[in-house]
C-alpha atoms as a PDB file:
ATOM      1  CA  MET A   1     -13.102   1.114   3.026  1.00  0.00           C
ATOM      2  CA  ARG A   2     -13.566   4.445   4.624  1.00  0.00           C
ATOM      3  CA  GLY A   3     -16.331   3.165   6.811  1.00  0.00           C
ATOM      4  CA  ARG A   4     -17.200   3.085  10.416  1.00  0.00           C
ATOM      5  CA  GLY A   5     -17.743  -0.556  11.320  1.00  0.00           C
ATOM      6  CA  ALA A   6     -18.267  -2.810   8.329  1.00  0.00           C
ATOM      7  CA  LEU A   7     -15.859  -2.862   5.441  1.00  0.00           C
ATOM      8  CA  ALA A   8     -17.001  -0.389   2.774  1.00  0.00           C
ATOM      9  CA  LEU A   9     -17.047  -1.171  -0.933  1.00  0.00           C
ATOM     10  CA  CYS A  10     -15.359   0.450  -3.907  1.00  0.00           C
ATOM     11  CA  ALA A  11     -18.411   2.596  -4.569  1.00  0.00           C
ATOM     12  CA  ALA A  12     -18.488   3.800  -0.980  1.00  0.00           C
ATOM     13  CA  ALA A  13     -14.751   4.355  -1.039  1.00  0.00           C
ATOM     14  CA  ALA A  14     -14.981   7.341  -3.357  1.00  0.00           C
ATOM     15  CA  LEU A  15     -16.646   9.774  -0.981  1.00  0.00           C
ATOM     16  CA  VAL A  16     -14.170  12.422  -2.004  1.00  0.00           C
ATOM     17  CA  VAL A  17     -13.129  12.778  -5.637  1.00  0.00           C
ATOM     18  CA  SER A  18     -10.058  14.930  -6.025  1.00  0.00           C
ATOM     19  CA  SER A  19      -9.690  17.608  -8.653  1.00  0.00           C
ATOM     20  CA  ALA A  20      -6.650  17.761 -10.895  1.00  0.00           C
ATOM     21  CA  VAL A  21      -3.604  19.539  -9.496  1.00  0.00           C
ATOM     22  CA  ALA A  22      -1.253  21.890 -11.245  1.00  0.00           C
ATOM     23  CA  VAL A  23       1.551  19.828 -12.725  1.00  0.00           C
ATOM     24  CA  ALA A  24       5.238  20.425 -12.112  1.00  0.00           C
ATOM     25  CA  ARG A  25       6.735  17.406 -13.794  1.00  0.00           C
ATOM     26  CA  PRO A  26       9.694  15.703 -12.125  1.00  0.00           C
ATOM     27  CA  SER A  27      12.926  15.689 -14.065  1.00  0.00           C
ATOM     28  CA  GLY A  28      12.875  12.923 -16.671  1.00  0.00           C
ATOM     29  CA  ALA A  29       9.101  12.432 -16.484  1.00  0.00           C
ATOM     30  CA  ASP A  30       8.038  14.874 -19.216  1.00  0.00           C
ATOM     31  CA  ALA A  31       6.550  12.082 -21.324  1.00  0.00           C
ATOM     32  CA  GLY A  32       4.022  11.347 -18.574  1.00  0.00           C
ATOM     33  CA  TRP A  33       2.431   8.057 -17.579  1.00  0.00           C
ATOM     34  CA  GLU A  34       2.119   5.140 -19.977  1.00  0.00           C
ATOM     35  CA  ARG A  35      -0.150   2.090 -19.848  1.00  0.00           C
ATOM     36  CA  ALA A  36       1.553  -1.216 -19.090  1.00  0.00           C
ATOM     37  CA  GLU A  37       0.187  -4.764 -19.272  1.00  0.00           C
ATOM     38  CA  SER A  38      -2.994  -4.943 -17.191  1.00  0.00           C
ATOM     39  CA  MET A  39      -3.676  -7.538 -14.510  1.00  0.00           C
ATOM     40  CA  SER A  40      -5.769 -10.525 -15.564  1.00  0.00           C
ATOM     41  CA  GLN A  41      -8.521  -9.512 -13.129  1.00  0.00           C
ATOM     42  CA  ARG A  42      -9.776  -6.104 -12.094  1.00  0.00           C
ATOM     43  CA  ARG A  43      -9.266  -5.562  -8.381  1.00  0.00           C
ATOM     44  CA  SER A  44      -8.754  -2.946  -5.709  1.00  0.00           C
ATOM     45  CA  TYR A  45      -7.594  -3.095  -2.089  1.00  0.00           C
ATOM     46  CA  LEU A  46      -4.940  -5.626  -3.035  1.00  0.00           C
ATOM     47  CA  ALA A  47      -1.792  -6.338  -1.014  1.00  0.00           C
ATOM     48  CA  ALA A  48       1.420  -5.995  -3.001  1.00  0.00           C
ATOM     49  CA  ALA A  49       5.175  -6.029  -2.542  1.00  0.00           C
ATOM     50  CA  GLU A  50       8.321  -5.753  -4.642  1.00  0.00           C
ATOM     51  CA  LEU A  51      10.883  -8.548  -4.438  1.00  0.00           C
ATOM     52  CA  GLY A  52      13.827  -9.185  -6.749  1.00  0.00           C
ATOM     53  CA  GLY A  53      12.597  -6.691  -9.322  1.00  0.00           C
ATOM     54  CA  PHE A  54       9.133  -8.289  -9.527  1.00  0.00           C
ATOM     55  CA  VAL A  55       5.860  -6.821  -8.231  1.00  0.00           C
ATOM     56  CA  TYR A  56       3.740  -9.414  -6.399  1.00  0.00           C
ATOM     57  CA  ALA A  57       0.000  -8.671  -6.088  1.00  0.00           C
ATOM     58  CA  ALA A  58      -2.166 -10.713  -3.706  1.00  0.00           C
ATOM     59  CA  GLY A  59      -5.884 -10.802  -3.022  1.00  0.00           C
ATOM     60  CA  GLY A  60      -8.016  -7.678  -3.135  1.00  0.00           C
ATOM     61  CA  MET A  61     -11.683  -7.316  -3.923  1.00  0.00           C
ATOM     62  CA  VAL A  62     -13.982  -6.942  -6.898  1.00  0.00           C
ATOM     63  CA  GLY A  63     -17.554  -5.923  -7.578  1.00  0.00           C
ATOM     64  CA  GLU A  64     -20.343  -4.257  -5.670  1.00  0.00           C
ATOM     65  CA  THR A  65     -20.372  -7.093  -3.142  1.00  0.00           C
ATOM     66  CA  GLY A  66     -16.725  -6.441  -2.254  1.00  0.00           C
ATOM     67  CA  ARG A  67     -15.962 -10.132  -2.822  1.00  0.00           C
ATOM     68  CA  PRO A  68     -12.491 -10.970  -1.445  1.00  0.00           C
ATOM     69  CA  LEU A  69     -10.074 -12.576  -3.892  1.00  0.00           C
ATOM     70  CA  SER A  70      -7.353 -15.211  -3.656  1.00  0.00           C
ATOM     71  CA  THR A  71      -5.720 -14.161  -6.938  1.00  0.00           C
ATOM     72  CA  PHE A  72      -1.924 -14.003  -6.773  1.00  0.00           C
ATOM     73  CA  ALA A  73       0.348 -12.944  -9.619  1.00  0.00           C
ATOM     74  CA  ARG A  74       3.641 -11.238 -10.251  1.00  0.00           C
ATOM     75  CA  TYR A  75       4.547  -8.535 -12.740  1.00  0.00           C
ATOM     76  CA  ASP A  76       7.905  -8.392 -14.523  1.00  0.00           C
ATOM     77  CA  PRO A  77       8.568  -4.766 -15.550  1.00  0.00           C
ATOM     78  CA  ARG A  78      11.396  -5.875 -17.836  1.00  0.00           C
ATOM     79  CA  THR A  79       9.127  -7.955 -20.074  1.00  0.00           C
ATOM     80  CA  ASP A  80       5.834  -6.180 -19.219  1.00  0.00           C
ATOM     81  CA  ASP A  81       4.202  -9.524 -18.427  1.00  0.00           C
ATOM     82  CA  TRP A  82       2.127 -10.978 -15.588  1.00  0.00           C
ATOM     83  CA  GLU A  83       2.557 -14.546 -14.336  1.00  0.00           C
ATOM     84  CA  VAL A  84      -0.228 -16.246 -12.383  1.00  0.00           C
ATOM     85  CA  LEU A  85       1.074 -17.883  -9.187  1.00  0.00           C
ATOM     86  CA  PRO A  86      -0.403 -20.253  -6.562  1.00  0.00           C
ATOM     87  CA  GLN A  87      -3.408 -18.618  -4.960  1.00  0.00           C
ATOM     88  CA  LEU A  88      -3.413 -16.898  -1.584  1.00  0.00           C
ATOM     89  CA  PRO A  89      -4.638 -19.644   0.800  1.00  0.00           C
ATOM     90  CA  VAL A  90      -7.638 -17.591   1.964  1.00  0.00           C
ATOM     91  CA  PRO A  91      -9.396 -14.954  -0.200  1.00  0.00           C
ATOM     92  CA  THR A  92      -8.588 -11.630   1.483  1.00  0.00           C
ATOM     93  CA  ARG A  93      -9.133  -7.926   0.806  1.00  0.00           C
ATOM     94  CA  ALA A  94      -7.466  -4.866   2.343  1.00  0.00           C
ATOM     95  CA  ALA A  95      -4.496  -6.831   3.669  1.00  0.00           C
ATOM     96  CA  ALA A  96      -0.961  -5.415   3.701  1.00  0.00           C
ATOM     97  CA  ALA A  97       2.164  -6.906   2.154  1.00  0.00           C
ATOM     98  CA  ALA A  98       5.930  -6.495   2.340  1.00  0.00           C
ATOM     99  CA  ALA A  99       8.992  -8.449   1.217  1.00  0.00           C
ATOM    100  CA  LEU A 100      11.436  -9.753   3.827  1.00  0.00           C
ATOM    101  CA  ASP A 101      14.091 -12.495   3.846  1.00  0.00           C
ATOM    102  CA  GLY A 102      13.333 -13.469   0.261  1.00  0.00           C
ATOM    103  CA  ARG A 103       9.622 -13.977   0.907  1.00  0.00           C
ATOM    104  CA  VAL A 104       6.425 -12.025   0.369  1.00  0.00           C
ATOM    105  CA  PHE A 105       4.430 -11.585   3.571  1.00  0.00           C
ATOM    106  CA  VAL A 106       0.678 -10.865   3.462  1.00  0.00           C
ATOM    107  CA  VAL A 107      -0.790  -9.763   6.790  1.00  0.00           C
ATOM    108  CA  GLY A 108      -4.298  -9.123   8.091  1.00  0.00           C
ATOM    109  CA  GLY A 109      -7.224  -7.847   6.020  1.00  0.00           C
ATOM    110  CA  THR A 110     -10.806  -9.033   5.701  1.00  0.00           C
ATOM    111  CA  THR A 111     -12.059 -12.456   4.599  1.00  0.00           C
ATOM    112  CA  ALA A 112     -15.571 -13.807   4.049  1.00  0.00           C
ATOM    113  CA  ASP A 113     -15.590 -14.609   7.779  1.00  0.00           C
ATOM    114  CA  GLY A 114     -14.585 -11.114   8.899  1.00  0.00           C
ATOM    115  CA  ASN A 115     -11.380  -9.316   9.832  1.00  0.00           C
ATOM    116  CA  THR A 116      -8.277 -11.436  10.275  1.00  0.00           C
ATOM    117  CA  GLY A 117      -4.781 -11.267  11.714  1.00  0.00           C
ATOM    118  CA  ALA A 118      -3.530 -14.146   9.550  1.00  0.00           C
ATOM    119  CA  THR A 119       0.057 -13.916   8.317  1.00  0.00           C
ATOM    120  CA  TRP A 120       1.034 -15.761   5.141  1.00  0.00           C
ATOM    121  CA  ALA A 121       4.523 -16.068   3.655  1.00  0.00           C
ATOM    122  CA  TYR A 122       5.165 -16.916  -0.005  1.00  0.00           C
ATOM    123  CA  ASP A 123       8.505 -18.403  -1.040  1.00  0.00           C
ATOM    124  CA  PRO A 124       9.236 -17.735  -4.751  1.00  0.00           C
ATOM    125  CA  GLY A 125      11.825 -20.545  -4.745  1.00  0.00           C
ATOM    126  CA  THR A 126       9.386 -23.274  -3.754  1.00  0.00           C
ATOM    127  CA  ARG A 127       6.289 -21.460  -5.056  1.00  0.00           C
ATOM    128  CA  ARG A 128       4.487 -22.301  -1.834  1.00  0.00           C
ATOM    129  CA  TRP A 129       2.635 -20.431   0.875  1.00  0.00           C
ATOM    130  CA  SER A 130       3.143 -21.105   4.578  1.00  0.00           C
ATOM    131  CA  ALA A 131       1.201 -19.893   7.603  1.00  0.00           C
ATOM    132  CA  ARG A 132       3.111 -17.820  10.128  1.00  0.00           C
ATOM    133  CA  ALA A 133       2.233 -16.558  13.587  1.00  0.00           C
ATOM    134  CA  PRO A 134      -0.881 -14.381  13.299  1.00  0.00           C
ATOM    135  CA  LEU A 135      -0.817 -10.666  13.977  1.00  0.00           C
ATOM    136  CA  PRO A 136      -2.134 -10.135  17.540  1.00  0.00           C
ATOM    137  CA  ALA A 137      -4.967  -7.965  16.201  1.00  0.00           C
ATOM    138  CA  ALA A 138      -7.401  -8.487  13.307  1.00  0.00           C
ATOM    139  CA  VAL A 139      -7.270  -5.291  11.216  1.00  0.00           C
ATOM    140  CA  PHE A 140      -7.646  -3.955   7.682  1.00  0.00           C
ATOM    141  CA  ASN A 141      -6.509  -0.747   5.932  1.00  0.00           C
ATOM    142  CA  HIS A 142      -3.210  -0.995   7.809  1.00  0.00           C
ATOM    143  CA  ALA A 143       0.318  -0.908   6.362  1.00  0.00           C
ATOM    144  CA  ALA A 144       3.257  -3.322   6.362  1.00  0.00           C
ATOM    145  CA  VAL A 145       6.862  -2.178   5.936  1.00  0.00           C
ATOM    146  CA  ALA A 146      10.093  -4.186   5.996  1.00  0.00           C
ATOM    147  CA  LEU A 147      12.999  -2.332   7.582  1.00  0.00           C
ATOM    148  CA  ASP A 148      16.370  -3.674   8.788  1.00  0.00           C
ATOM    149  CA  GLY A 149      15.233  -7.294   8.997  1.00  0.00           C
ATOM    150  CA  THR A 150      11.977  -6.537  10.815  1.00  0.00           C
ATOM    151  CA  LEU A 151       8.428  -6.453   9.470  1.00  0.00           C
ATOM    152  CA  TYR A 152       6.385  -3.583  10.906  1.00  0.00           C
ATOM    153  CA  VAL A 153       2.586  -3.417  10.808  1.00  0.00           C
ATOM    154  CA  VAL A 154       1.066  -0.050  11.616  1.00  0.00           C
ATOM    155  CA  GLY A 155      -2.424   1.302  12.323  1.00  0.00           C
ATOM    156  CA  GLY A 156      -5.534   0.147  10.501  1.00  0.00           C
ATOM    157  CA  TYR A 157      -9.243  -0.163  11.173  1.00  0.00           C
ATOM    158  CA  ALA A 158     -11.304  -2.623  13.250  1.00  0.00           C
ATOM    159  CA  ASP A 159     -14.372  -2.701  15.454  1.00  0.00           C
ATOM    160  CA  GLY A 160     -15.684   0.588  14.104  1.00  0.00           C
ATOM    161  CA  ARG A 161     -12.639   2.742  14.732  1.00  0.00           C
ATOM    162  CA  GLU A 162      -9.125   3.610  13.616  1.00  0.00           C
ATOM    163  CA  ARG A 163      -6.236   1.812  15.286  1.00  0.00           C
ATOM    164  CA  ALA A 164      -2.884   3.150  16.483  1.00  0.00           C
ATOM    165  CA  ASP A 165      -1.020  -0.089  17.299  1.00  0.00           C
ATOM    166  CA  VAL A 166       2.474  -0.728  15.952  1.00  0.00           C
ATOM    167  CA  TYR A 167       3.674  -4.345  15.764  1.00  0.00           C
ATOM    168  CA  ALA A 168       7.077  -5.775  14.880  1.00  0.00           C
ATOM    169  CA  TYR A 169       7.604  -9.274  13.483  1.00  0.00           C
ATOM    170  CA  GLU A 170      10.858 -11.239  13.767  1.00  0.00           C
ATOM    171  CA  PRO A 171      10.892 -13.857  10.980  1.00  0.00           C
ATOM    172  CA  GLY A 172      13.643 -15.938  12.599  1.00  0.00           C
ATOM    173  CA  ARG A 173      11.544 -16.423  15.754  1.00  0.00           C
ATOM    174  CA  ASP A 174       8.142 -16.276  14.026  1.00  0.00           C
ATOM    175  CA  LEU A 175       7.134 -13.785  16.685  1.00  0.00           C
ATOM    176  CA  TRP A 176       5.039 -10.610  16.759  1.00  0.00           C
ATOM    177  CA  ARG A 177       5.476  -7.952  19.445  1.00  0.00           C
ATOM    178  CA  ARG A 178       3.477  -4.793  20.066  1.00  0.00           C
ATOM    179  CA  ILE A 179       6.136  -2.085  20.293  1.00  0.00           C
ATOM    180  CA  GLY A 180       4.091   1.109  20.609  1.00  0.00           C
ATOM    181  CA  THR A 181       1.456   3.264  18.987  1.00  0.00           C
ATOM    182  CA  LEU A 182       1.090   5.862  16.283  1.00  0.00           C
ATOM    183  CA  PRO A 183       0.859   9.441  17.567  1.00  0.00           C
ATOM    184  CA  ARG A 184      -2.759   9.368  16.343  1.00  0.00           C
ATOM    185  CA  ALA A 185      -4.937   6.433  15.355  1.00  0.00           C
ATOM    186  CA  THR A 186      -5.154   6.341  11.548  1.00  0.00           C
ATOM    187  CA  HIS A 187      -6.053   4.040   8.666  1.00  0.00           C
ATOM    188  CA  ALA A 188      -5.900   4.039   4.848  1.00  0.00           C
ATOM    189  CA  PHE A 189      -2.449   5.689   4.793  1.00  0.00           C
ATOM    190  CA  GLY A 190       0.713   4.996   2.852  1.00  0.00           C
ATOM    191  CA  ALA A 191       3.908   3.815   4.526  1.00  0.00           C
ATOM    192  CA  VAL A 192       7.495   3.406   3.323  1.00  0.00           C
ATOM    193  CA  ALA A 193      10.983   2.733   4.633  1.00  0.00           C
ATOM    194  CA  PHE A 194      13.001   5.866   3.903  1.00  0.00           C
ATOM    195  CA  ARG A 195      16.517   6.716   5.027  1.00  0.00           C
ATOM    196  CA  GLY A 196      16.474   4.054   7.723  1.00  0.00           C
ATOM    197  CA  GLU A 197      13.155   5.154   9.224  1.00  0.00           C
ATOM    198  CA  LEU A 198       9.463   4.337   8.790  1.00  0.00           C
ATOM    199  CA  TRP A 199       7.348   7.093   7.244  1.00  0.00           C
ATOM    200  CA  VAL A 200       3.538   7.189   7.470  1.00  0.00           C
ATOM    201  CA  LEU A 201       1.851   9.367   4.829  1.00  0.00           C
ATOM    202  CA  GLY A 202      -1.664  10.820   4.958  1.00  0.00           C
ATOM    203  CA  GLY A 203      -4.596   8.509   5.647  1.00  0.00           C
ATOM    204  CA  ARG A 204      -8.058   9.003   7.097  1.00  0.00           C
ATOM    205  CA  ARG A 205      -9.369   9.807  10.540  1.00  0.00           C
ATOM    206  CA  GLY A 206     -13.144  10.025  10.799  1.00  0.00           C
ATOM    207  CA  GLU A 207     -14.259  12.121   7.836  1.00  0.00           C
ATOM    208  CA  ARG A 208     -10.880  13.852   7.404  1.00  0.00           C
ATOM    209  CA  ILE A 209      -8.402  12.995   4.651  1.00  0.00           C
ATOM    210  CA  LEU A 210      -5.020  13.756   6.176  1.00  0.00           C
ATOM    211  CA  ARG A 211      -1.926  15.669   5.054  1.00  0.00           C
ATOM    212  CA  ASP A 212       0.072  14.502   8.085  1.00  0.00           C
ATOM    213  CA  VAL A 213       3.438  12.770   7.847  1.00  0.00           C
ATOM    214  CA  TRP A 214       4.836  10.876  10.852  1.00  0.00           C
ATOM    215  CA  ILE A 215       8.323   9.363  11.100  1.00  0.00           C
ATOM    216  CA  LEU A 216       9.352   6.462  13.361  1.00  0.00           C
ATOM    217  CA  ASP A 217      12.966   6.032  14.430  1.00  0.00           C
ATOM    218  CA  PRO A 218      13.214   2.232  14.874  1.00  0.00           C
ATOM    219  CA  ALA A 219      16.193   2.543  17.213  1.00  0.00           C
ATOM    220  CA  THR A 220      14.438   4.729  19.786  1.00  0.00           C
ATOM    221  CA  ARG A 221      10.837   3.911  18.770  1.00  0.00           C
ATOM    222  CA  ASP A 222      10.103   7.626  18.961  1.00  0.00           C
ATOM    223  CA  TRP A 223       7.818   9.377  16.486  1.00  0.00           C
ATOM    224  CA  ARG A 224       8.279  12.895  15.122  1.00  0.00           C
ATOM    225  CA  ARG A 225       6.377  14.994  12.637  1.00  0.00           C
ATOM    226  CA  GLY A 226       7.550  14.950   9.039  1.00  0.00           C
ATOM    227  CA  PRO A 227       7.013  17.393   6.170  1.00  0.00           C
ATOM    228  CA  THR A 228       3.261  17.927   5.752  1.00  0.00           C
ATOM    229  CA  MET A 229       1.951  17.030   2.303  1.00  0.00           C
ATOM    230  CA  PRO A 230       0.460  19.873   0.230  1.00  0.00           C
ATOM    231  CA  ARG A 231      -2.614  17.749  -0.536  1.00  0.00           C
ATOM    232  CA  GLY A 232      -4.344  15.241   1.706  1.00  0.00           C
ATOM    233  CA  MET A 233      -4.232  11.629   0.493  1.00  0.00           C
ATOM    234  CA  GLU A 234      -5.795   8.314   1.546  1.00  0.00           C
ATOM    235  CA  LEU A 235      -5.740   4.793   0.126  1.00  0.00           C
ATOM    236  CA  LEU A 236      -2.613   5.849  -1.732  1.00  0.00           C
ATOM    237  CA  GLY A 237       0.297   4.042  -3.301  1.00  0.00           C
ATOM    238  CA  ALA A 238       3.732   5.119  -2.078  1.00  0.00           C
ATOM    239  CA  ALA A 239       7.251   4.181  -3.161  1.00  0.00           C
ATOM    240  CA  VAL A 240      10.852   5.264  -2.613  1.00  0.00           C
ATOM    241  CA  THR A 241      13.725   5.846  -4.976  1.00  0.00           C
ATOM    242  CA  GLY A 242      16.970   7.460  -3.877  1.00  0.00           C
ATOM    243  CA  ASP A 243      16.197  10.598  -1.877  1.00  0.00           C
ATOM    244  CA  GLU A 244      12.552  10.778  -3.005  1.00  0.00           C
ATOM    245  CA  ILE A 245       9.187   9.475  -1.852  1.00  0.00           C
ATOM    246  CA  HIS A 246       6.532   9.174  -4.570  1.00  0.00           C
ATOM    247  CA  ALA A 247       2.860   9.151  -3.521  1.00  0.00           C
ATOM    248  CA  VAL A 248      -0.077   8.559  -5.902  1.00  0.00           C
ATOM    249  CA  TRP A 249      -3.802   8.880  -5.180  1.00  0.00           C
ATOM    250  CA  GLU A 250      -6.536   9.516  -7.766  1.00  0.00           C
ATOM    251  CA  SER A 251      -5.371  12.568  -9.764  1.00  0.00           C
ATOM    252  CA  VAL A 252      -2.848  13.633  -7.121  1.00  0.00           C
ATOM    253  CA  TYR A 253       0.814  12.699  -7.508  1.00  0.00           C
ATOM    254  CA  GLN A 254       3.200  14.201  -4.965  1.00  0.00           C
ATOM    255  CA  VAL A 255       6.962  13.768  -4.642  1.00  0.00           C
ATOM    256  CA  TYR A 256       8.993  14.497  -1.529  1.00  0.00           C
ATOM    257  CA  ASP A 257      12.627  15.437  -2.179  1.00  0.00           C
ATOM    258  CA  ALA A 258      14.857  14.999   0.870  1.00  0.00           C
ATOM    259  CA  GLY A 259      17.476  17.217  -0.790  1.00  0.00           C
ATOM    260  CA  THR A 260      15.188  20.241  -0.730  1.00  0.00           C
ATOM    261  CA  GLY A 261      12.965  19.142   2.156  1.00  0.00           C
ATOM    262  CA  ARG A 262       9.911  19.947   0.025  1.00  0.00           C
ATOM    263  CA  TRP A 263       7.028  18.267  -1.775  1.00  0.00           C
ATOM    264  CA  ARG A 264       6.295  18.938  -5.434  1.00  0.00           C
ATOM    265  CA  ALA A 265       3.455  17.912  -7.749  1.00  0.00           C
ATOM    266  CA  GLY A 266       3.950  15.449 -10.594  1.00  0.00           C
ATOM    267  CA  PRO A 267       1.869  14.499 -13.657  1.00  0.00           C
ATOM    268  CA  PRO A 268      -1.450  12.820 -12.791  1.00  0.00           C
ATOM    269  CA  PRO A 269      -1.947   9.209 -13.930  1.00  0.00           C
ATOM    270  CA  GLN A 270      -4.068   8.503 -17.000  1.00  0.00           C
ATOM    271  CA  VAL A 271      -6.543   6.486 -14.909  1.00  0.00           C
ATOM    272  CA  THR A 272      -7.332   8.144 -11.583  1.00  0.00           C
ATOM    273  CA  ARG A 273      -7.880   5.600  -8.807  1.00  0.00           C
ATOM    274  CA  HIS A 274      -7.556   4.990  -5.089  1.00  0.00           C
ATOM    275  CA  ALA A 275      -6.797   1.774  -3.148  1.00  0.00           C
ATOM    276  CA  LEU A 276      -3.836   1.131  -5.470  1.00  0.00           C
ATOM    277  CA  GLU A 277      -0.215   0.102  -4.909  1.00  0.00           C
ATOM    278  CA  ALA A 278       2.952   1.800  -6.168  1.00  0.00           C
ATOM    279  CA  PHE A 279       6.575   0.699  -6.583  1.00  0.00           C
ATOM    280  CA  VAL A 280       9.784   1.924  -8.172  1.00  0.00           C
ATOM    281  CA  VAL A 281      11.603  -0.742 -10.187  1.00  0.00           C
ATOM    282  CA  ASP A 282      14.588  -0.035 -12.449  1.00  0.00           C
ATOM    283  CA  GLY A 283      13.863   3.687 -12.627  1.00  0.00           C
ATOM    284  CA  SER A 284      10.131   3.351 -13.338  1.00  0.00           C
ATOM    285  CA  LEU A 285       7.276   4.242 -11.001  1.00  0.00           C
ATOM    286  CA  ILE A 286       4.625   1.521 -11.348  1.00  0.00           C
ATOM    287  CA  ALA A 287       1.015   1.994 -10.176  1.00  0.00           C
ATOM    288  CA  VAL A 288      -1.073  -1.190  -9.889  1.00  0.00           C
ATOM    289  CA  GLY A 289      -4.823  -1.756  -9.654  1.00  0.00           C
ATOM    290  CA  GLY A 290      -7.230   0.285  -7.533  1.00  0.00           C
ATOM    291  CA  CYS A 291     -10.755   1.636  -7.699  1.00  0.00           C
ATOM    292  CA  THR A 292     -11.382   4.375 -10.242  1.00  0.00           C
ATOM    293  CA  THR A 293     -13.201   7.621  -9.543  1.00  0.00           C
ATOM    294  CA  ALA A 294     -15.930   6.155 -11.773  1.00  0.00           C
ATOM    295  CA  LEU A 295     -16.315   3.558  -8.983  1.00  0.00           C
ATOM    296  CA  GLN A 296     -14.987   0.578 -10.915  1.00  0.00           C
ATOM    297  CA  ASP A 297     -12.347  -1.864  -9.715  1.00  0.00           C
ATOM    298  CA  SER A 298      -9.459  -1.632 -12.143  1.00  0.00           C
ATOM    299  CA  PRO A 299      -6.909  -4.037 -13.666  1.00  0.00           C
ATOM    300  CA  VAL A 300      -4.892  -1.069 -14.924  1.00  0.00           C
ATOM    301  CA  VAL A 301      -1.125  -0.848 -14.548  1.00  0.00           C
ATOM    302  CA  GLU A 302       0.641   2.397 -15.408  1.00  0.00           C
ATOM    303  CA  ARG A 303       4.321   3.287 -15.401  1.00  0.00           C
ATOM    304  CA  LEU A 304       6.243   6.540 -15.346  1.00  0.00           C
ATOM    305  CA  GLU A 305       9.912   6.773 -16.253  1.00  0.00           C
ATOM    306  CA  LEU A 306      11.667   8.807 -13.554  1.00  0.00           C
END
């Protein structure tokens, strides 16, 4: 989905294949990545979120046609099992997801009818989906982050160009508000809540894969530059644990340590892929799905003990 205009496919999404990086393994990760239980269906560009120690994976796409999926399942890292859940109401690819108020929110993306701003909320207690107020813009390749009771949606791609809009959703009022813009329009980036702020990592602008890091202070809504990544990354999975941000893309695995203020390289995954998701649960970094550098949608799940 690195295209101008129409949504690109997995094959088109591998315009740049990264080479392996020198490995400086994080403490406790000397054993490297291990394969976990795969998803029941191969898919990339899925929307995923962690809630209550489970990883929820919604939608995505498969095949050369880029067919959007309604598949919805959750992964239990404790038992290494997947459970199939009620389907996403509308098959959607390249949406964004985050967990807030005990629910999994899936926002935006692309359906068979085109780009959408639809917002869906899944309640694990009732095992039901409900429609919420739609995002004011129909975008894909954006990011969703939950921070201090607010759901933020940032950037993305639509109408042939990158977007810079930043929206905030209040679940109690079922209300979206546009609260500002990114310093530069960007899509296909990673985003995390880290130390009470929203961090945007890498991404793509035109034909450039970015090393930029931008940090939003939610109190002032001001952006500032963060620590530039050593390697550019797009369509990455990013996760936080303690004072570290972990970012995975193809054969590149980079870790930011707030204690040192520096990035370091970690061991590359066994299966190199982009358009994946990453989470830290109970001390393990978990990488889910994606499109391999051999241009195949992947059901692969890998985990790394940190």
